[in-house]
């Protein structure tokens, strides 16, 4: 699992949900990849937050890559809530990594849905924390489907209304 979004979006509810996912998927790790994680104090802060939920340091990969190389080490991106990611959701999909998103308050909590649904990925958008955790566990357990989906994501994005510049300009 991974997140390349700004660390300010990693609130207690997100840390709790992500911890529950890690507890339910043995051997899974979570990559937190953002400029914040260049600082040891920030890393230690997040280690402590996850430790409160039973997640040991060895389950966390905290780093900062300036390019999109970080996506090579991630199978599923976890979108934060209530403020979803925007740019990093597009980047994830472009790099072939599916994103699990929780719909939340308008409008910043609807970015994930607005991006994923036009790609036919509505099943990657949920309405509750319990659904979010359950879907992450189920999706992580279906490696053949993840492989299939990963091979399609860039083409799905490229061919979607989201990348149809002439239609956008006409609108």
N, C-alpha and C. Protein backbone atom coordinates (compact mmCIF):
# COMPACT_ATOMS: atom_id res chain seq x y z
N UNK A 1 0.85 -1.17 0.00
CA UNK A 1 0.00 0.00 0.00
C UNK A 1 0.89 1.23 0.00
N UNK A 2 0.34 2.35 -0.43
CA UNK A 2 1.14 3.56 -0.42
C UNK A 2 0.30 4.80 -0.49
N UNK A 3 0.94 5.89 -0.14
CA UNK A 3 0.35 7.22 -0.25
C UNK A 3 1.47 8.18 -0.59
N UNK A 4 1.25 8.95 -1.64
CA UNK A 4 2.23 9.96 -2.04
C UNK A 4 1.67 11.37 -1.87
N UNK A 5 0.64 11.48 -1.06
CA UNK A 5 -0.01 12.77 -0.84
C UNK A 5 0.68 13.54 0.27
N UNK A 6 0.27 14.78 0.44
CA UNK A 6 0.85 15.61 1.50
C UNK A 6 0.50 15.05 2.88
N UNK A 7 1.45 15.09 3.76
CA UNK A 7 1.27 14.49 5.08
C UNK A 7 0.22 15.20 5.92
N UNK A 8 -0.11 16.43 5.61
CA UNK A 8 -1.13 17.15 6.37
C UNK A 8 -2.49 16.45 6.28
N UNK A 9 -2.68 15.63 5.24
CA UNK A 9 -3.94 14.90 5.05
C UNK A 9 -3.99 13.61 5.88
N UNK A 10 -2.89 13.27 6.53
CA UNK A 10 -2.84 12.02 7.29
C UNK A 10 -3.28 12.26 8.73
N UNK A 11 -4.58 12.35 8.90
CA UNK A 11 -5.19 12.66 10.19
C UNK A 11 -5.41 11.38 11.00
N UNK A 12 -5.83 11.51 12.27
CA UNK A 12 -6.01 10.31 13.11
C UNK A 12 -6.95 9.25 12.53
N UNK A 13 -8.03 9.66 11.87
CA UNK A 13 -8.95 8.68 11.29
C UNK A 13 -8.28 7.90 10.15
N UNK A 14 -7.47 8.58 9.35
CA UNK A 14 -6.76 7.93 8.25
C UNK A 14 -5.72 6.96 8.81
N UNK A 15 -4.95 7.40 9.78
CA UNK A 15 -3.94 6.53 10.39
C UNK A 15 -4.60 5.29 10.99
N UNK A 16 -5.73 5.47 11.64
CA UNK A 16 -6.45 4.34 12.22
C UNK A 16 -6.90 3.35 11.14
N UNK A 17 -7.52 3.86 10.10
CA UNK A 17 -8.00 2.99 9.02
C UNK A 17 -6.84 2.27 8.34
N UNK A 18 -5.78 2.99 8.03
CA UNK A 18 -4.63 2.37 7.37
C UNK A 18 -3.98 1.33 8.27
N UNK A 19 -3.97 1.58 9.56
CA UNK A 19 -3.43 0.60 10.50
C UNK A 19 -4.28 -0.67 10.51
N UNK A 20 -5.59 -0.50 10.50
CA UNK A 20 -6.47 -1.66 10.48
C UNK A 20 -6.27 -2.49 9.21
N UNK A 21 -6.03 -1.81 8.10
CA UNK A 21 -5.76 -2.52 6.85
C UNK A 21 -4.48 -3.34 7.00
N UNK A 22 -3.43 -2.72 7.51
CA UNK A 22 -2.16 -3.43 7.68
C UNK A 22 -2.30 -4.61 8.63
N UNK A 23 -3.09 -4.45 9.67
CA UNK A 23 -3.29 -5.55 10.61
C UNK A 23 -4.03 -6.72 9.95
N UNK A 24 -4.86 -6.43 8.97
CA UNK A 24 -5.64 -7.48 8.31
C UNK A 24 -4.94 -8.08 7.10
N UNK A 25 -3.86 -7.45 6.63
CA UNK A 25 -3.12 -7.99 5.49
C UNK A 25 -1.70 -8.29 5.95
N UNK A 26 -1.49 -9.50 6.46
CA UNK A 26 -0.17 -9.86 6.99
C UNK A 26 0.93 -9.67 5.95
N UNK A 27 2.02 -9.10 6.40
CA UNK A 27 3.17 -8.89 5.52
C UNK A 27 3.09 -7.64 4.67
N UNK A 28 1.94 -6.99 4.62
CA UNK A 28 1.80 -5.76 3.83
C UNK A 28 2.56 -4.63 4.51
N UNK A 29 3.04 -3.73 3.68
CA UNK A 29 3.70 -2.54 4.19
C UNK A 29 3.01 -1.31 3.60
N UNK A 30 3.23 -0.18 4.23
CA UNK A 30 2.67 1.09 3.78
C UNK A 30 3.81 2.05 3.50
N UNK A 31 3.88 2.52 2.26
CA UNK A 31 4.86 3.53 1.89
C UNK A 31 4.22 4.91 2.01
N UNK A 32 4.84 5.76 2.81
CA UNK A 32 4.46 7.16 2.92
C UNK A 32 5.57 7.93 2.22
N UNK A 33 5.25 8.51 1.08
CA UNK A 33 6.26 9.11 0.23
C UNK A 33 5.89 10.57 -0.01
N UNK A 34 6.60 11.44 0.67
CA UNK A 34 6.35 12.87 0.54
C UNK A 34 7.55 13.60 1.11
N UNK A 35 7.71 14.85 0.71
CA UNK A 35 8.84 15.66 1.17
C UNK A 35 8.96 15.69 2.69
N UNK A 36 7.83 15.64 3.38
CA UNK A 36 7.81 15.62 4.85
C UNK A 36 8.72 14.54 5.40
N UNK A 37 8.77 13.40 4.72
CA UNK A 37 9.46 12.23 5.25
C UNK A 37 10.97 12.26 4.99
N UNK A 38 11.46 13.40 4.56
CA UNK A 38 12.90 13.63 4.53
C UNK A 38 13.40 13.95 5.93
N UNK A 39 12.49 14.40 6.78
CA UNK A 39 12.82 14.83 8.15
C UNK A 39 12.62 13.68 9.13
N UNK A 40 13.66 13.36 9.87
CA UNK A 40 13.59 12.26 10.84
C UNK A 40 12.51 12.49 11.91
N UNK A 41 12.35 13.74 12.34
CA UNK A 41 11.34 14.03 13.36
C UNK A 41 9.93 13.72 12.84
N UNK A 42 9.68 14.02 11.60
CA UNK A 42 8.38 13.72 11.01
C UNK A 42 8.17 12.21 10.93
N UNK A 43 9.20 11.50 10.53
CA UNK A 43 9.11 10.04 10.47
C UNK A 43 8.80 9.46 11.84
N UNK A 44 9.50 9.93 12.86
CA UNK A 44 9.28 9.43 14.21
C UNK A 44 7.87 9.75 14.70
N UNK A 45 7.37 10.91 14.33
CA UNK A 45 6.00 11.30 14.69
C UNK A 45 5.00 10.28 14.13
N UNK A 46 5.16 9.94 12.85
CA UNK A 46 4.22 9.00 12.23
C UNK A 46 4.43 7.57 12.72
N UNK A 47 5.66 7.21 13.01
CA UNK A 47 5.92 5.89 13.61
C UNK A 47 5.13 5.78 14.91
N UNK A 48 5.16 6.82 15.72
CA UNK A 48 4.43 6.81 17.00
C UNK A 48 2.92 6.72 16.78
N UNK A 49 2.41 7.45 15.80
CA UNK A 49 0.97 7.40 15.52
C UNK A 49 0.53 6.00 15.12
N UNK A 50 1.29 5.37 14.25
CA UNK A 50 0.93 4.02 13.81
C UNK A 50 1.15 3.00 14.93
N UNK A 51 2.16 3.21 15.75
CA UNK A 51 2.44 2.29 16.87
C UNK A 51 1.25 2.22 17.83
N UNK A 52 0.54 3.32 18.01
CA UNK A 52 -0.64 3.33 18.88
C UNK A 52 -1.71 2.36 18.41
N UNK A 53 -1.62 1.98 17.13
CA UNK A 53 -2.60 1.05 16.55
C UNK A 53 -2.00 -0.34 16.32
N UNK A 54 -0.81 -0.56 16.86
CA UNK A 54 -0.20 -1.88 16.76
C UNK A 54 0.64 -2.11 15.52
N UNK A 55 1.01 -1.05 14.83
CA UNK A 55 1.81 -1.18 13.62
C UNK A 55 3.28 -0.88 13.95
N UNK A 56 4.14 -1.84 13.69
CA UNK A 56 5.57 -1.67 13.99
C UNK A 56 6.27 -0.89 12.86
N UNK A 57 7.39 -0.32 13.21
CA UNK A 57 8.16 0.52 12.28
C UNK A 57 8.51 -0.21 10.99
N UNK A 58 8.76 -1.52 11.08
CA UNK A 58 9.16 -2.27 9.89
C UNK A 58 8.04 -2.43 8.87
N UNK A 59 6.81 -2.06 9.22
CA UNK A 59 5.68 -2.11 8.28
C UNK A 59 5.52 -0.81 7.52
N UNK A 60 6.32 0.21 7.89
CA UNK A 60 6.23 1.53 7.27
C UNK A 60 7.49 1.82 6.48
N UNK A 61 7.31 2.34 5.28
CA UNK A 61 8.41 2.82 4.45
C UNK A 61 8.17 4.32 4.27
N UNK A 62 9.03 5.12 4.87
CA UNK A 62 8.87 6.57 4.78
C UNK A 62 10.02 7.12 3.97
N UNK A 63 9.67 7.83 2.91
CA UNK A 63 10.70 8.29 1.99
C UNK A 63 10.20 9.49 1.19
N UNK A 64 11.08 9.98 0.34
CA UNK A 64 10.71 11.06 -0.58
C UNK A 64 11.42 10.84 -1.90
N UNK A 65 10.64 10.65 -2.94
CA UNK A 65 11.18 10.58 -4.29
C UNK A 65 10.63 11.76 -5.06
N UNK A 66 11.49 12.44 -5.77
CA UNK A 66 11.07 13.63 -6.51
C UNK A 66 10.35 13.29 -7.81
N UNK A 67 10.49 12.09 -8.25
CA UNK A 67 9.82 11.69 -9.49
C UNK A 67 8.79 10.62 -9.18
N UNK A 68 8.30 9.99 -10.19
CA UNK A 68 7.22 9.02 -10.00
C UNK A 68 7.73 7.62 -9.71
N UNK A 69 9.02 7.47 -9.43
CA UNK A 69 9.57 6.14 -9.16
C UNK A 69 8.91 5.46 -7.96
N UNK A 70 8.41 6.24 -7.03
CA UNK A 70 7.78 5.67 -5.84
C UNK A 70 6.61 4.76 -6.17
N UNK A 71 5.95 5.01 -7.28
CA UNK A 71 4.80 4.18 -7.66
C UNK A 71 5.21 2.75 -8.03
N UNK A 72 6.46 2.55 -8.36
CA UNK A 72 6.93 1.21 -8.73
C UNK A 72 6.88 0.25 -7.55
N UNK A 73 6.88 0.77 -6.34
CA UNK A 73 6.90 -0.06 -5.14
C UNK A 73 5.53 -0.20 -4.49
N UNK A 74 4.49 0.26 -5.17
CA UNK A 74 3.15 0.28 -4.57
C UNK A 74 2.18 -0.51 -5.44
N UNK A 75 1.36 -1.32 -4.80
CA UNK A 75 0.33 -2.07 -5.52
C UNK A 75 -1.03 -1.37 -5.47
N UNK A 76 -1.31 -0.71 -4.36
CA UNK A 76 -2.58 0.00 -4.17
C UNK A 76 -2.27 1.31 -3.45
N UNK A 77 -2.77 2.41 -4.00
CA UNK A 77 -2.66 3.70 -3.32
C UNK A 77 -3.90 3.89 -2.46
N UNK A 78 -3.69 4.31 -1.23
CA UNK A 78 -4.77 4.61 -0.30
C UNK A 78 -4.98 6.12 -0.27
N UNK A 79 -6.16 6.54 -0.68
CA UNK A 79 -6.51 7.95 -0.72
C UNK A 79 -6.91 8.40 0.68
N UNK A 80 -6.40 9.54 1.14
CA UNK A 80 -6.80 10.02 2.46
C UNK A 80 -8.23 10.58 2.45
N UNK A 81 -8.76 10.79 3.61
CA UNK A 81 -10.09 11.39 3.77
C UNK A 81 -10.10 12.20 5.05
N UNK A 82 -10.90 13.19 5.26
CA UNK A 82 -12.00 13.58 4.38
C UNK A 82 -11.53 14.35 3.13
N UNK A 83 -10.29 14.79 3.11
CA UNK A 83 -9.75 15.53 1.96
C UNK A 83 -9.00 14.56 1.07
N UNK A 84 -9.62 14.17 -0.05
CA UNK A 84 -8.98 13.26 -0.99
C UNK A 84 -7.82 13.95 -1.69
N UNK A 85 -6.94 13.14 -2.24
CA UNK A 85 -5.87 13.65 -3.09
C UNK A 85 -6.46 13.95 -4.47
N UNK A 86 -5.81 14.77 -5.21
CA UNK A 86 -6.24 15.08 -6.58
C UNK A 86 -5.14 14.73 -7.56
N UNK A 87 -4.10 15.53 -7.55
CA UNK A 87 -2.99 15.33 -8.48
C UNK A 87 -2.37 13.95 -8.31
N UNK A 88 -2.15 13.53 -7.07
CA UNK A 88 -1.50 12.23 -6.88
C UNK A 88 -2.42 11.08 -7.29
N UNK A 89 -3.73 11.29 -7.31
CA UNK A 89 -4.63 10.26 -7.82
C UNK A 89 -4.41 10.09 -9.32
N UNK A 90 -4.34 11.20 -10.05
CA UNK A 90 -4.06 11.13 -11.48
C UNK A 90 -2.69 10.49 -11.73
N UNK A 91 -1.69 10.90 -10.96
CA UNK A 91 -0.35 10.33 -11.13
C UNK A 91 -0.36 8.83 -10.89
N UNK A 92 -1.04 8.40 -9.85
CA UNK A 92 -1.11 6.98 -9.52
C UNK A 92 -1.70 6.19 -10.69
N UNK A 93 -2.83 6.66 -11.18
CA UNK A 93 -3.50 5.97 -12.27
C UNK A 93 -2.63 5.95 -13.53
N UNK A 94 -1.98 7.07 -13.81
CA UNK A 94 -1.11 7.15 -14.98
C UNK A 94 0.04 6.14 -14.87
N UNK A 95 0.50 5.93 -13.63
CA UNK A 95 1.60 4.99 -13.40
C UNK A 95 1.11 3.54 -13.20
N UNK A 96 -0.20 3.33 -13.38
CA UNK A 96 -0.74 1.98 -13.32
C UNK A 96 -1.02 1.47 -11.93
N UNK A 97 -1.25 2.37 -10.99
CA UNK A 97 -1.53 1.95 -9.62
C UNK A 97 -2.96 2.37 -9.25
N UNK A 98 -3.83 1.40 -8.95
CA UNK A 98 -5.20 1.75 -8.58
C UNK A 98 -5.25 2.48 -7.25
N UNK A 99 -6.29 3.28 -7.09
CA UNK A 99 -6.47 4.11 -5.90
C UNK A 99 -7.79 3.74 -5.23
N UNK A 100 -7.73 3.50 -3.93
CA UNK A 100 -8.94 3.27 -3.14
C UNK A 100 -9.30 4.58 -2.46
N UNK A 101 -10.53 5.03 -2.66
CA UNK A 101 -10.94 6.34 -2.16
C UNK A 101 -12.24 6.25 -1.37
N UNK A 102 -12.34 7.09 -0.35
CA UNK A 102 -13.56 7.19 0.45
C UNK A 102 -14.21 8.54 0.15
N UNK A 103 -15.48 8.47 -0.29
CA UNK A 103 -16.25 9.69 -0.52
C UNK A 103 -16.49 10.36 0.82
N UNK A 104 -16.35 11.67 0.84
CA UNK A 104 -16.56 12.39 2.09
C UNK A 104 -17.18 13.73 1.77
N UNK A 105 -16.93 14.68 2.63
CA UNK A 105 -17.60 15.97 2.51
C UNK A 105 -17.34 16.62 1.15
N UNK A 106 -18.34 17.33 0.65
CA UNK A 106 -18.11 18.05 -0.61
C UNK A 106 -17.13 19.17 -0.36
N UNK A 107 -16.42 19.62 -1.26
CA UNK A 107 -16.11 19.03 -2.54
C UNK A 107 -14.79 18.29 -2.51
N UNK A 108 -13.94 18.62 -1.54
CA UNK A 108 -12.61 18.01 -1.48
C UNK A 108 -12.66 16.52 -1.13
N UNK A 109 -13.77 16.05 -0.62
CA UNK A 109 -13.93 14.64 -0.32
C UNK A 109 -14.55 13.87 -1.47
N UNK A 110 -14.67 14.53 -2.61
CA UNK A 110 -15.28 13.89 -3.79
C UNK A 110 -14.29 13.77 -4.95
N UNK A 111 -13.05 14.22 -4.74
CA UNK A 111 -12.06 14.15 -5.82
C UNK A 111 -11.88 12.72 -6.32
N UNK A 112 -11.71 11.79 -5.39
CA UNK A 112 -11.48 10.40 -5.78
C UNK A 112 -12.61 9.86 -6.63
N UNK A 113 -13.84 10.08 -6.21
CA UNK A 113 -15.01 9.62 -6.96
C UNK A 113 -15.05 10.28 -8.34
N UNK A 114 -14.80 11.58 -8.39
CA UNK A 114 -14.85 12.30 -9.67
C UNK A 114 -13.80 11.80 -10.65
N UNK A 115 -12.70 11.30 -10.15
CA UNK A 115 -11.63 10.80 -11.02
C UNK A 115 -11.83 9.32 -11.34
N UNK A 116 -12.19 8.51 -10.35
CA UNK A 116 -12.26 7.06 -10.54
C UNK A 116 -13.52 6.60 -11.27
N UNK A 117 -14.65 7.19 -10.98
CA UNK A 117 -15.90 6.72 -11.58
C UNK A 117 -15.92 6.82 -13.11
N UNK A 118 -15.45 7.91 -13.72
CA UNK A 118 -15.43 7.94 -15.19
C UNK A 118 -14.54 6.88 -15.83
N UNK A 119 -13.67 6.27 -15.04
CA UNK A 119 -12.78 5.23 -15.55
C UNK A 119 -13.36 3.83 -15.34
N UNK A 120 -14.61 3.77 -14.85
CA UNK A 120 -15.22 2.48 -14.56
C UNK A 120 -14.69 1.85 -13.29
N UNK A 121 -14.18 2.69 -12.39
CA UNK A 121 -13.59 2.19 -11.14
C UNK A 121 -14.43 2.57 -9.93
N UNK A 122 -15.74 2.60 -10.12
CA UNK A 122 -16.64 2.94 -9.03
C UNK A 122 -16.54 2.00 -7.84
N UNK A 123 -16.11 0.76 -8.08
CA UNK A 123 -15.96 -0.17 -6.96
C UNK A 123 -14.73 0.15 -6.11
N UNK A 124 -13.91 1.09 -6.55
CA UNK A 124 -12.75 1.55 -5.78
C UNK A 124 -13.11 2.80 -4.95
N UNK A 125 -14.39 3.16 -4.93
CA UNK A 125 -14.87 4.31 -4.16
C UNK A 125 -15.91 3.80 -3.17
N UNK A 126 -15.74 4.16 -1.90
CA UNK A 126 -16.64 3.69 -0.85
C UNK A 126 -17.19 4.87 -0.04
N UNK A 127 -18.17 4.56 0.81
CA UNK A 127 -18.81 5.61 1.60
C UNK A 127 -18.53 5.55 3.09
N UNK A 128 -17.90 4.47 3.56
CA UNK A 128 -17.64 4.36 5.00
C UNK A 128 -16.23 3.85 5.24
N UNK A 129 -15.75 4.08 6.44
CA UNK A 129 -14.43 3.60 6.82
C UNK A 129 -14.41 2.07 6.81
N UNK A 130 -15.47 1.45 7.29
CA UNK A 130 -15.52 -0.02 7.30
C UNK A 130 -15.42 -0.59 5.89
N UNK A 131 -16.14 0.02 4.94
CA UNK A 131 -16.05 -0.42 3.54
C UNK A 131 -14.63 -0.20 2.99
N UNK A 132 -14.05 0.91 3.35
CA UNK A 132 -12.70 1.26 2.90
C UNK A 132 -11.71 0.17 3.33
N UNK A 133 -11.78 -0.19 4.60
CA UNK A 133 -10.88 -1.22 5.13
C UNK A 133 -11.14 -2.56 4.44
N UNK A 134 -12.39 -2.93 4.34
CA UNK A 134 -12.75 -4.22 3.74
C UNK A 134 -12.31 -4.30 2.28
N UNK A 135 -12.56 -3.25 1.51
CA UNK A 135 -12.15 -3.26 0.09
C UNK A 135 -10.64 -3.35 -0.05
N UNK A 136 -9.92 -2.64 0.79
CA UNK A 136 -8.45 -2.70 0.71
C UNK A 136 -7.97 -4.13 0.93
N UNK A 137 -8.55 -4.79 1.91
CA UNK A 137 -8.17 -6.16 2.22
C UNK A 137 -8.51 -7.09 1.05
N UNK A 138 -9.71 -6.96 0.53
CA UNK A 138 -10.15 -7.80 -0.59
C UNK A 138 -9.30 -7.55 -1.83
N UNK A 139 -9.11 -6.29 -2.19
CA UNK A 139 -8.32 -5.97 -3.38
C UNK A 139 -6.89 -6.46 -3.24
N UNK A 140 -6.30 -6.31 -2.06
CA UNK A 140 -4.92 -6.76 -1.85
C UNK A 140 -4.80 -8.28 -1.98
N UNK A 141 -5.87 -8.99 -1.71
CA UNK A 141 -5.85 -10.45 -1.79
C UNK A 141 -6.08 -11.01 -3.17
N UNK A 142 -6.34 -10.14 -4.15
CA UNK A 142 -6.63 -10.60 -5.51
C UNK A 142 -5.54 -10.11 -6.45
N UNK A 143 -4.38 -10.71 -6.35
CA UNK A 143 -3.22 -10.27 -7.13
C UNK A 143 -3.45 -10.37 -8.64
N UNK A 144 -4.07 -11.45 -9.16
CA UNK A 144 -4.30 -11.50 -10.61
C UNK A 144 -5.15 -10.32 -11.11
N UNK A 145 -6.17 -9.95 -10.34
CA UNK A 145 -7.00 -8.81 -10.74
C UNK A 145 -6.21 -7.51 -10.67
N UNK A 146 -5.38 -7.36 -9.64
CA UNK A 146 -4.53 -6.16 -9.56
C UNK A 146 -3.60 -6.07 -10.77
N UNK A 147 -3.01 -7.17 -11.14
CA UNK A 147 -2.13 -7.18 -12.32
C UNK A 147 -2.88 -6.79 -13.57
N UNK A 148 -4.07 -7.35 -13.76
CA UNK A 148 -4.89 -7.03 -14.94
C UNK A 148 -5.23 -5.55 -14.96
N UNK A 149 -5.70 -5.05 -13.83
CA UNK A 149 -6.10 -3.65 -13.74
C UNK A 149 -4.91 -2.72 -13.97
N UNK A 150 -3.79 -3.04 -13.36
CA UNK A 150 -2.60 -2.19 -13.52
C UNK A 150 -2.21 -2.05 -14.99
N UNK A 151 -2.38 -3.12 -15.75
CA UNK A 151 -1.99 -3.06 -17.16
C UNK A 151 -2.94 -2.20 -18.00
N UNK A 152 -4.10 -1.87 -17.46
CA UNK A 152 -5.11 -1.11 -18.20
C UNK A 152 -5.23 0.36 -17.79
N UNK A 153 -4.73 0.71 -16.64
CA UNK A 153 -5.06 2.01 -16.06
C UNK A 153 -4.65 3.20 -16.92
N UNK A 154 -3.45 3.20 -17.45
CA UNK A 154 -3.01 4.36 -18.25
C UNK A 154 -3.90 4.52 -19.49
N UNK A 155 -4.20 3.43 -20.15
CA UNK A 155 -5.06 3.52 -21.34
C UNK A 155 -6.48 3.95 -20.97
N UNK A 156 -6.98 3.46 -19.84
CA UNK A 156 -8.31 3.89 -19.38
C UNK A 156 -8.33 5.40 -19.14
N UNK A 157 -7.30 5.88 -18.46
CA UNK A 157 -7.22 7.31 -18.19
C UNK A 157 -7.09 8.10 -19.49
N UNK A 158 -6.19 7.69 -20.33
CA UNK A 158 -5.94 8.39 -21.60
C UNK A 158 -7.21 8.45 -22.45
N UNK A 159 -8.01 7.37 -22.46
CA UNK A 159 -9.21 7.32 -23.29
C UNK A 159 -10.46 7.86 -22.63
N UNK A 160 -10.34 8.36 -21.42
CA UNK A 160 -11.53 8.81 -20.68
C UNK A 160 -11.88 10.26 -20.99
N UNK A 161 -13.06 10.63 -20.54
CA UNK A 161 -13.51 12.02 -20.65
C UNK A 161 -12.57 12.97 -19.89
N UNK A 162 -11.88 12.45 -18.90
CA UNK A 162 -10.97 13.27 -18.11
C UNK A 162 -9.79 13.78 -18.92
N UNK A 163 -9.45 13.08 -19.99
CA UNK A 163 -8.32 13.49 -20.85
C UNK A 163 -8.77 13.89 -22.24
N UNK A 164 -10.05 14.17 -22.39
CA UNK A 164 -10.59 14.57 -23.69
C UNK A 164 -10.56 16.10 -23.78
N UNK A 165 -9.43 16.62 -24.19
CA UNK A 165 -9.24 18.08 -24.23
C UNK A 165 -10.23 18.79 -25.15
N UNK A 166 -10.52 18.28 -26.37
CA UNK A 166 -11.50 18.98 -27.22
C UNK A 166 -12.89 19.09 -26.57
N UNK A 167 -13.34 18.00 -25.92
CA UNK A 167 -14.64 18.04 -25.26
C UNK A 167 -14.62 19.02 -24.10
N UNK A 168 -13.51 19.03 -23.36
CA UNK A 168 -13.38 19.95 -22.24
C UNK A 168 -13.43 21.39 -22.74
N UNK A 169 -12.72 21.68 -23.82
CA UNK A 169 -12.70 23.05 -24.37
C UNK A 169 -14.08 23.45 -24.87
N UNK A 170 -14.81 22.53 -25.50
CA UNK A 170 -16.16 22.84 -25.97
C UNK A 170 -17.10 23.15 -24.80
N UNK A 171 -16.90 22.45 -23.68
CA UNK A 171 -17.76 22.67 -22.53
C UNK A 171 -17.51 24.04 -21.92
